[in-house]
Amino acid sequence: LKADVDVPAIPDESTQAKLREEAAKSLTNINADERERRKQIGTYVLAATAVAAIAMLATHASPSTRATIALPLFFGSGFYLSGVFGL
């Protein structure tokens, strides 16, 4: 950062807010079909994880066995949120 800042060239607050909003909207790197697929896969994985968690609790599985649902929980959440936010 060796160049001087041209202060008059800096947009005002409302223009900056509008530019930030447009930039946030354009951060989508997948289309609507792929978003829907990811949301659907995430929903299925999360549902299966919930069923597994309930079964483990009902059968009094050990804590180390119950910890195995962490990975599908994270993947399911990741896919679902990727579908929701498009990132």
C-alpha atoms as a PDB file:
ATOM      1  CA  LEU A   1       0.000   0.000   0.000  1.00  0.00           C
ATOM      2  CA  LYS A   2       2.327   2.645  -1.270  1.00  0.00           C
ATOM      3  CA  ALA A   3      -0.142   4.689  -3.325  1.00  0.00           C
ATOM      4  CA  ASP A   4      -1.885   7.666  -1.814  1.00  0.00           C
ATOM      5  CA  VAL A   5      -5.646   7.414  -1.375  1.00  0.00           C
ATOM      6  CA  ASP A   6      -7.676   9.750  -3.563  1.00  0.00           C
ATOM      7  CA  VAL A   7     -10.208  10.805  -0.916  1.00  0.00           C
ATOM      8  CA  PRO A   8     -12.657  12.498  -3.338  1.00  0.00           C
ATOM      9  CA  ALA A   9     -12.858   9.238  -5.330  1.00  0.00           C
ATOM     10  CA  ILE A  10     -14.200   7.314  -2.315  1.00  0.00           C
ATOM     11  CA  PRO A  11     -17.972   6.789  -2.705  1.00  0.00           C
ATOM     12  CA  ASP A  12     -20.319   8.071  -0.019  1.00  0.00           C
ATOM     13  CA  GLU A  13     -21.807   5.750   2.622  1.00  0.00           C
ATOM     14  CA  SER A  14     -25.050   5.007   0.742  1.00  0.00           C
ATOM     15  CA  THR A  15     -23.168   4.173  -2.467  1.00  0.00           C
ATOM     16  CA  GLN A  16     -20.796   1.944  -0.500  1.00  0.00           C
ATOM     17  CA  ALA A  17     -23.748   0.131   1.083  1.00  0.00           C
ATOM     18  CA  LYS A  18     -25.339  -0.399  -2.335  1.00  0.00           C
ATOM     19  CA  LEU A  19     -22.059  -1.713  -3.758  1.00  0.00           C
ATOM     20  CA  ARG A  20     -21.658  -4.113  -0.814  1.00  0.00           C
ATOM     21  CA  GLU A  21     -25.216  -5.385  -1.308  1.00  0.00           C
ATOM     22  CA  GLU A  22     -24.632  -6.009  -5.018  1.00  0.00           C
ATOM     23  CA  ALA A  23     -21.361  -7.786  -4.247  1.00  0.00           C
ATOM     24  CA  ALA A  24     -23.059 -10.007  -1.667  1.00  0.00           C
ATOM     25  CA  LYS A  25     -25.762 -10.969  -4.165  1.00  0.00           C
ATOM     26  CA  SER A  26     -23.215 -11.865  -6.826  1.00  0.00           C
ATOM     27  CA  LEU A  27     -21.237 -14.209  -4.567  1.00  0.00           C
ATOM     28  CA  THR A  28     -23.350 -17.133  -5.724  1.00  0.00           C
ATOM     29  CA  ASN A  29     -21.169 -19.670  -7.474  1.00  0.00           C
ATOM     30  CA  ILE A  30     -23.794 -22.367  -8.165  1.00  0.00           C
ATOM     31  CA  ASN A  31     -27.061 -22.147 -10.072  1.00  0.00           C
ATOM     32  CA  ALA A  32     -30.568 -22.737  -8.736  1.00  0.00           C
ATOM     33  CA  ASP A  33     -30.728 -26.400  -9.839  1.00  0.00           C
ATOM     34  CA  GLU A  34     -27.500 -27.252  -8.041  1.00  0.00           C
ATOM     35  CA  ARG A  35     -28.648 -25.330  -4.970  1.00  0.00           C
ATOM     36  CA  GLU A  36     -31.861 -27.359  -4.900  1.00  0.00           C
ATOM     37  CA  ARG A  37     -29.920 -30.642  -5.251  1.00  0.00           C
ATOM     38  CA  ARG A  38     -27.590 -29.698  -2.412  1.00  0.00           C
ATOM     39  CA  LYS A  39     -30.474 -28.675  -0.187  1.00  0.00           C
ATOM     40  CA  GLN A  40     -32.260 -31.952  -0.924  1.00  0.00           C
ATOM     41  CA  ILE A  41     -29.164 -34.073  -0.241  1.00  0.00           C
ATOM     42  CA  GLY A  42     -28.521 -32.135   2.960  1.00  0.00           C
ATOM     43  CA  THR A  43     -32.103 -32.707   4.086  1.00  0.00           C
ATOM     44  CA  TYR A  44     -31.837 -36.464   3.473  1.00  0.00           C
ATOM     45  CA  VAL A  45     -28.489 -36.752   5.246  1.00  0.00           C
ATOM     46  CA  LEU A  46     -29.709 -34.717   8.221  1.00  0.00           C
ATOM     47  CA  ALA A  47     -32.887 -36.815   8.452  1.00  0.00           C
ATOM     48  CA  ALA A  48     -30.878 -40.050   8.375  1.00  0.00           C
ATOM     49  CA  THR A  49     -28.521 -38.623  10.986  1.00  0.00           C
ATOM     50  CA  ALA A  50     -31.463 -37.713  13.234  1.00  0.00           C
ATOM     51  CA  VAL A  51     -32.869 -41.249  12.908  1.00  0.00           C
ATOM     52  CA  ALA A  52     -29.446 -42.701  13.761  1.00  0.00           C
ATOM     53  CA  ALA A  53     -29.113 -40.359  16.751  1.00  0.00           C
ATOM     54  CA  ILE A  54     -32.531 -41.342  18.087  1.00  0.00           C
ATOM     55  CA  ALA A  55     -31.721 -45.026  17.624  1.00  0.00           C
ATOM     56  CA  MET A  56     -28.412 -44.613  19.431  1.00  0.00           C
ATOM     57  CA  LEU A  57     -30.045 -42.811  22.322  1.00  0.00           C
ATOM     58  CA  ALA A  58     -32.858 -45.385  22.535  1.00  0.00           C
ATOM     59  CA  THR A  59     -30.362 -48.262  22.638  1.00  0.00           C
ATOM     60  CA  HIS A  60     -28.088 -46.472  25.115  1.00  0.00           C
ATOM     61  CA  ALA A  61     -25.104 -46.560  22.761  1.00  0.00           C
ATOM     62  CA  SER A  62     -21.764 -45.549  24.214  1.00  0.00           C
ATOM     63  CA  PRO A  63     -20.626 -41.944  23.838  1.00  0.00           C
ATOM     64  CA  SER A  64     -17.878 -42.957  21.408  1.00  0.00           C
ATOM     65  CA  THR A  65     -20.453 -44.685  19.212  1.00  0.00           C
ATOM     66  CA  ARG A  66     -22.773 -41.669  19.366  1.00  0.00           C
ATOM     67  CA  ALA A  67     -19.872 -39.449  18.299  1.00  0.00           C
ATOM     68  CA  THR A  68     -19.881 -41.167  14.903  1.00  0.00           C
ATOM     69  CA  ILE A  69     -22.888 -39.084  13.862  1.00  0.00           C
ATOM     70  CA  ALA A  70     -20.728 -35.936  13.886  1.00  0.00           C
ATOM     71  CA  LEU A  71     -19.363 -36.486  10.373  1.00  0.00           C
ATOM     72  CA  PRO A  72     -22.721 -36.991   8.631  1.00  0.00           C
ATOM     73  CA  LEU A  73     -24.134 -34.135  10.712  1.00  0.00           C
ATOM     74  CA  PHE A  74     -21.416 -31.783   9.446  1.00  0.00           C
ATOM     75  CA  PHE A  75     -21.709 -32.958   5.831  1.00  0.00           C
ATOM     76  CA  GLY A  76     -25.501 -32.763   5.888  1.00  0.00           C
ATOM     77  CA  SER A  77     -25.402 -29.282   7.391  1.00  0.00           C
ATOM     78  CA  GLY A  78     -22.813 -28.205   4.842  1.00  0.00           C
ATOM     79  CA  PHE A  79     -24.841 -29.416   1.886  1.00  0.00           C
ATOM     80  CA  TYR A  80     -28.065 -27.942   3.222  1.00  0.00           C
ATOM     81  CA  LEU A  81     -26.552 -24.531   3.963  1.00  0.00           C
ATOM     82  CA  SER A  82     -24.745 -24.531   0.612  1.00  0.00           C
ATOM     83  CA  GLY A  83     -28.147 -25.026  -1.011  1.00  0.00           C
ATOM     84  CA  VAL A  84     -29.702 -22.242   1.018  1.00  0.00           C
ATOM     85  CA  PHE A  85     -26.955 -19.641   0.536  1.00  0.00           C
ATOM     86  CA  GLY A  86     -25.521 -20.755  -2.813  1.00  0.00           C
ATOM     87  CA  LEU A  87     -21.904 -20.856  -1.742  1.00  0.00           C
END
